[in-house]
Protein backbone atom coordinates (compact mmCIF):
# COMPACT_ATOMS: atom_id res chain seq x y z
CA MET A 1 -41.61 54.79 -26.68
CA PRO A 2 -42.15 52.96 -23.36
CA ARG A 3 -40.30 54.24 -20.32
CA ILE A 4 -39.27 51.85 -17.56
CA ALA A 5 -38.15 52.56 -14.01
CA VAL A 6 -35.59 50.29 -12.33
CA LEU A 7 -35.38 50.24 -8.54
CA GLN A 8 -32.02 49.31 -7.03
CA MET A 9 -32.51 48.41 -3.36
CA THR A 10 -30.72 47.55 -0.15
CA SER A 11 -33.59 45.52 1.23
CA GLY A 12 -33.56 44.57 4.89
CA ILE A 13 -35.40 42.43 7.40
CA ASP A 14 -38.42 44.74 7.79
CA PRO A 15 -41.01 43.94 5.08
CA GLU A 16 -43.03 47.07 5.83
CA ALA A 17 -40.02 49.34 5.22
CA ASN A 18 -39.14 47.51 2.02
CA THR A 19 -42.72 47.70 0.76
CA ARG A 20 -42.83 51.41 1.54
CA ALA A 21 -39.66 51.92 -0.52
CA ILE A 22 -41.33 50.20 -3.49
CA ILE A 23 -44.50 52.28 -3.13
CA ASP A 24 -42.46 55.49 -2.95
CA ALA A 25 -40.62 54.39 -6.09
CA ALA A 26 -43.93 53.63 -7.82
CA VAL A 27 -45.18 57.16 -7.11
CA GLU A 28 -41.92 58.66 -8.35
CA ALA A 29 -41.99 56.45 -11.45
CA ALA A 30 -45.57 57.44 -12.23
CA ASN A 31 -44.72 61.14 -11.82
CA ALA A 32 -41.87 60.62 -14.30
CA GLU A 33 -44.36 59.06 -16.75
CA ALA A 34 -42.87 55.59 -16.56
CA ASP A 35 -45.01 52.69 -17.77
CA MET A 36 -43.40 49.94 -15.69
CA LEU A 37 -41.41 49.55 -12.47
CA PHE A 38 -38.95 46.69 -11.89
CA THR A 39 -37.65 45.71 -8.43
CA PRO A 40 -34.93 43.21 -7.38
CA GLU A 41 -35.01 39.65 -6.13
CA MET A 42 -36.25 39.39 -2.51
CA SER A 43 -37.16 43.07 -2.58
CA ILE A 44 -39.83 42.63 0.12
CA LEU A 45 -37.71 40.63 2.57
CA LEU A 46 -33.98 39.86 2.44
CA ASP A 47 -33.14 37.82 5.52
CA LYS A 48 -30.89 34.79 5.71
CA ASP A 49 -32.23 34.04 9.21
CA ARG A 50 -34.96 31.71 7.97
CA LYS A 51 -36.58 31.26 11.37
CA ARG A 52 -37.04 35.01 11.76
CA ALA A 53 -38.25 35.38 8.17
CA SER A 54 -40.74 32.51 8.52
CA GLN A 55 -42.65 34.40 11.22
CA TRP A 56 -43.64 37.03 8.65
CA ILE A 57 -44.15 34.55 5.80
CA ASN A 58 -46.38 32.20 7.80
CA SER A 59 -48.45 35.02 9.29
CA GLY A 60 -49.80 35.98 5.86
CA GLY A 61 -47.31 38.76 5.18
CA PRO A 62 -46.90 38.00 1.46
CA GLU A 63 -50.67 38.05 0.90
CA ARG A 64 -50.96 41.48 2.53
CA VAL A 65 -48.11 42.87 0.42
CA VAL A 66 -49.65 41.49 -2.78
CA ASP A 67 -52.94 43.22 -1.98
CA GLU A 68 -51.19 46.51 -1.19
CA LEU A 69 -49.06 46.53 -4.33
CA ARG A 70 -52.03 45.57 -6.48
CA ASP A 71 -53.85 48.64 -5.18
CA TRP A 72 -50.85 50.90 -5.79
CA GLY A 73 -50.50 49.62 -9.34
CA PHE A 74 -54.11 50.70 -9.92
CA PHE A 75 -53.49 54.07 -8.27
CA ALA A 76 -50.32 54.84 -10.22
CA SER A 77 -51.52 53.35 -13.55
CA LEU A 78 -48.24 51.46 -13.56
CA GLN A 79 -47.25 47.86 -14.15
CA ILE A 80 -45.11 46.74 -11.19
CA SER A 81 -42.80 43.75 -11.57
CA VAL A 82 -41.82 42.75 -8.03
CA GLY A 83 -38.61 40.80 -8.58
CA SER A 84 -39.45 38.27 -5.90
CA MET A 85 -40.52 37.58 -2.36
CA PRO A 86 -40.66 34.37 -0.31
CA VAL A 87 -44.04 32.66 -0.08
CA ALA A 88 -45.07 29.55 1.84
CA LEU A 89 -46.00 26.35 0.01
CA ALA A 90 -48.22 23.51 1.19
CA ASN A 91 -45.25 21.10 1.39
CA GLY A 92 -43.55 23.14 4.12
CA LYS A 93 -41.03 24.76 1.82
CA MET A 94 -41.11 28.20 0.21
CA ALA A 95 -41.10 29.53 -3.32
CA ASN A 96 -38.89 32.41 -4.48
CA ARG A 97 -41.69 34.08 -6.43
CA THR A 98 -42.00 36.98 -8.86
CA PHE A 99 -45.27 38.94 -8.92
CA HIS A 100 -45.94 41.03 -12.03
CA PHE A 101 -48.94 43.31 -11.53
CA ASP A 102 -51.02 44.51 -14.47
CA GLU A 103 -52.30 48.00 -13.72
CA ALA A 104 -55.48 47.35 -15.70
CA THR A 105 -56.64 44.09 -14.07
CA GLY A 106 -54.61 44.11 -10.87
CA GLU A 107 -54.13 40.36 -11.20
CA PRO A 108 -50.50 39.29 -10.86
CA VAL A 109 -48.67 36.88 -13.13
CA ILE A 110 -46.40 34.73 -10.97
CA TYR A 111 -43.14 32.96 -11.68
CA ASP A 112 -41.26 30.66 -9.29
CA LYS A 113 -37.47 30.62 -9.56
CA ILE A 114 -36.42 27.42 -11.33
CA HIS A 115 -32.71 27.17 -10.53
CA MET A 116 -31.66 27.02 -6.89
CA PHE A 117 -28.55 28.88 -5.70
CA ASP A 118 -26.55 26.03 -4.11
CA VAL A 119 -22.91 27.14 -4.13
CA GLU A 120 -19.70 27.23 -2.08
CA LEU A 121 -17.50 30.21 -3.00
CA ASP A 122 -13.79 30.61 -2.34
CA SER A 123 -14.68 33.78 -0.40
CA GLY A 124 -16.23 31.54 2.26
CA GLU A 125 -19.84 32.29 1.33
CA THR A 126 -22.02 29.18 1.23
CA TRP A 127 -25.62 29.23 0.05
CA LYS A 128 -28.04 26.31 -0.24
CA GLU A 129 -31.32 27.73 -1.48
CA SER A 130 -32.77 24.28 -2.11
CA SER A 131 -32.77 23.46 1.60
CA ALA A 132 -35.67 25.87 2.14
CA TYR A 133 -37.05 26.63 -1.33
CA GLU A 134 -38.88 24.47 -3.84
CA PRO A 135 -37.76 25.08 -7.44
CA GLY A 136 -40.35 26.14 -9.96
CA ASN A 137 -40.96 24.11 -13.12
CA GLN A 138 -42.74 26.51 -15.48
CA VAL A 139 -41.37 28.95 -18.06
CA VAL A 140 -43.48 32.10 -17.73
CA CYS A 141 -44.12 35.07 -20.01
CA VAL A 142 -46.32 38.10 -19.36
CA GLU A 143 -48.19 38.56 -22.62
CA ASP A 144 -49.48 42.12 -22.40
CA THR A 145 -47.00 44.76 -21.19
CA PRO A 146 -45.93 48.14 -22.58
CA LEU A 147 -42.81 46.29 -23.81
CA GLY A 148 -44.81 43.51 -25.47
CA ARG A 149 -44.15 39.95 -24.30
CA LEU A 150 -41.98 39.90 -21.14
CA GLY A 151 -40.10 36.80 -19.98
CA LEU A 152 -39.65 36.23 -16.25
CA THR A 153 -36.51 34.84 -14.58
CA ILE A 154 -34.81 35.33 -11.21
CA CYS A 155 -31.09 35.81 -10.42
CA TYR A 156 -29.33 32.39 -10.63
CA ASP A 157 -31.52 31.50 -13.62
CA LEU A 158 -29.14 33.78 -15.50
CA ARG A 159 -26.54 31.00 -15.61
CA PHE A 160 -28.77 28.61 -17.56
CA PRO A 161 -28.93 29.62 -21.24
CA ALA A 162 -31.58 27.03 -22.11
CA LEU A 163 -34.18 29.04 -20.19
CA PHE A 164 -33.29 32.18 -22.13
CA GLU A 165 -33.25 30.20 -25.37
CA GLU A 166 -36.84 29.18 -24.67
CA LEU A 167 -37.82 32.77 -23.89
CA GLY A 168 -36.18 33.81 -27.14
CA ARG A 169 -38.08 31.07 -28.99
CA ARG A 170 -41.27 32.53 -27.55
CA GLU A 171 -40.22 35.87 -29.06
CA CYS A 172 -40.06 37.85 -25.84
CA ASN A 173 -39.26 41.51 -26.44
CA ALA A 174 -37.74 41.80 -22.96
CA ILE A 175 -36.62 39.53 -20.14
CA ALA A 176 -36.58 40.51 -16.46
CA VAL A 177 -33.66 39.27 -14.34
CA PRO A 178 -34.20 40.57 -10.78
CA ALA A 179 -31.21 39.64 -8.65
CA ALA A 180 -29.33 39.68 -5.37
CA PHE A 181 -25.90 38.77 -6.75
CA THR A 182 -22.98 38.22 -4.41
CA VAL A 183 -20.04 40.61 -4.80
CA PRO A 184 -17.48 37.99 -5.99
CA THR A 185 -19.76 36.47 -8.62
CA GLY A 186 -21.06 39.89 -9.64
CA LYS A 187 -17.59 41.26 -10.30
CA ALA A 188 -16.68 38.21 -12.36
CA HIS A 189 -19.86 37.41 -14.28
CA TRP A 190 -22.75 39.90 -13.97
CA HIS A 191 -22.17 42.21 -16.92
CA VAL A 192 -20.89 39.59 -19.33
CA MET A 193 -23.73 37.13 -18.69
CA LEU A 194 -26.49 39.74 -18.93
CA ARG A 195 -25.08 41.04 -22.20
CA ALA A 196 -24.76 37.47 -23.52
CA ARG A 197 -28.36 36.58 -22.61
CA ALA A 198 -29.65 39.75 -24.33
CA ILE A 199 -27.67 38.93 -27.47
CA GLU A 200 -28.78 35.28 -27.50
CA ALA A 201 -32.47 36.14 -27.09
CA SER A 202 -32.27 39.25 -29.33
CA ALA A 203 -34.23 40.98 -26.56
CA PHE A 204 -33.91 43.69 -23.96
CA VAL A 205 -32.75 42.44 -20.56
CA ILE A 206 -33.86 44.37 -17.46
CA ALA A 207 -31.99 43.44 -14.29
CA ALA A 208 -33.01 45.24 -11.09
CA ALA A 209 -30.49 44.37 -8.38
CA GLN A 210 -29.85 44.48 -4.66
CA VAL A 211 -26.84 46.56 -3.61
CA GLY A 212 -24.57 47.11 -0.62
CA LYS A 213 -24.48 45.83 2.96
CA HIS A 214 -27.73 44.41 4.27
CA GLU A 215 -29.17 44.05 7.78
CA ASP A 216 -28.80 40.27 7.70
CA GLY A 217 -25.04 40.58 7.14
CA ARG A 218 -24.74 39.84 3.45
CA GLU A 219 -23.35 42.15 0.76
CA THR A 220 -24.68 42.37 -2.79
CA TYR A 221 -23.14 43.63 -6.02
CA GLY A 222 -25.70 46.10 -7.39
CA HIS A 223 -25.17 47.41 -10.93
CA SER A 224 -28.81 47.21 -12.00
CA LEU A 225 -28.65 47.05 -15.79
CA VAL A 226 -30.75 47.52 -18.88
CA VAL A 227 -29.20 45.89 -21.94
CA ASP A 228 -30.48 46.19 -25.51
CA PRO A 229 -30.75 43.27 -28.01
CA TRP A 230 -27.34 44.12 -29.50
CA GLY A 231 -25.72 43.77 -26.08
CA GLU A 232 -25.30 47.50 -25.49
CA VAL A 233 -25.67 48.61 -21.86
CA LEU A 234 -28.26 51.40 -21.74
CA LEU A 235 -28.35 51.82 -17.96
CA ASP A 236 -25.88 50.85 -15.22
CA MET A 237 -26.82 52.08 -11.74
CA GLY A 238 -23.44 51.28 -10.18
CA GLY A 239 -22.54 49.32 -7.09
CA GLU A 240 -22.61 51.99 -4.41
CA ALA A 241 -26.15 52.87 -3.37
CA PRO A 242 -29.86 52.24 -3.86
CA GLY A 243 -31.83 54.48 -6.19
CA LEU A 244 -34.33 54.73 -9.02
CA GLY A 245 -33.19 54.78 -12.63
CA PHE A 246 -35.10 55.37 -15.86
CA CYS A 247 -34.65 54.08 -19.38
CA ASP A 248 -36.64 54.72 -22.57
CA ILE A 249 -37.00 51.50 -24.58
CA ASP A 250 -36.87 51.72 -28.39
CA LEU A 251 -38.83 48.62 -29.37
CA GLY A 252 -37.86 49.14 -33.00
CA ARG A 253 -34.35 48.09 -32.02
CA ILE A 254 -35.55 44.49 -31.67
CA ALA A 255 -36.55 44.15 -35.33
CA GLU A 256 -33.33 45.88 -36.42
CA VAL A 257 -31.17 43.41 -34.52
CA ARG A 258 -33.17 40.35 -35.55
CA ALA A 259 -32.96 41.42 -39.19
CA GLN A 260 -29.18 41.84 -39.04
CA VAL A 261 -28.43 38.65 -37.08
CA PRO A 262 -31.47 36.34 -37.32
CA SER A 263 -30.12 33.81 -34.86
CA LEU A 264 -33.58 32.92 -33.56
CA ALA A 265 -34.79 32.11 -37.08
CA ASN A 266 -31.56 30.29 -37.96
CA ARG A 267 -31.53 28.04 -34.89
CA ARG A 268 -31.41 24.32 -35.69
CA PRO A 269 -31.85 21.30 -33.41
CA ILE A 270 -28.61 19.73 -32.26
CA ALA A 271 -28.44 16.00 -32.92
CA THR A 272 -26.73 13.98 -30.22
CA SER A 273 -25.16 10.57 -30.67
CA PRO A 274 -25.43 7.76 -28.11
CA ALA A 275 -22.64 7.57 -25.56
CA GLN A 276 -19.85 5.32 -26.71
């Protein structure tokens, strides 16, 4: 039975400190005989001051981190799914990019966040991710993990069921949803949406999250979750503090759920009529 480790973080503006926290977690996860480690969105650098962040990004910081984490994956014999970090693109924008490291080959599978977080909340928080980030356009699965096929998403992607429907169609056993959810939206929507996506895809959902008050002034909701294909919450790390949680994944549960409620097999195309 595969064992996963989920790292809940309060990432700050120092990439070296954040990377060290991930490496320490990887060592602890390996000592606990975990097969995989999952980290949150923007786990390497969480900084809303884009000018300050760009100094690290444009100086080759992401490339150095990728090399370091690749080496640690080898050392710990552990697959590491780094929820995301910002990377520079040729067009002058950035990508919000997941790196999933295979401990055998060291070569990462990458996924660029498709849906941009452009919102204005009643709390006064305003975010326009698209002003600095280029949206991805590829649905990505990691084919060979201890969990079987793993679908990759990031945070705001959670609100778009069509992406999860496609990952379900591709028969993913698990879907990663690394996140840095705001407190208002987390309180209202986090648990219900993660449970719904797990049920819809008949798959495990693994959501490593940012938590607490961050150096750049923001506050995130936490509650890193693991949800099984029936929608049962197997792990909830709460909204108070960072930490490392563990969960043993019973892959047989997937077949049990899909046999009882074969919604993936029963899905039919929806015909649409022309606008009147």
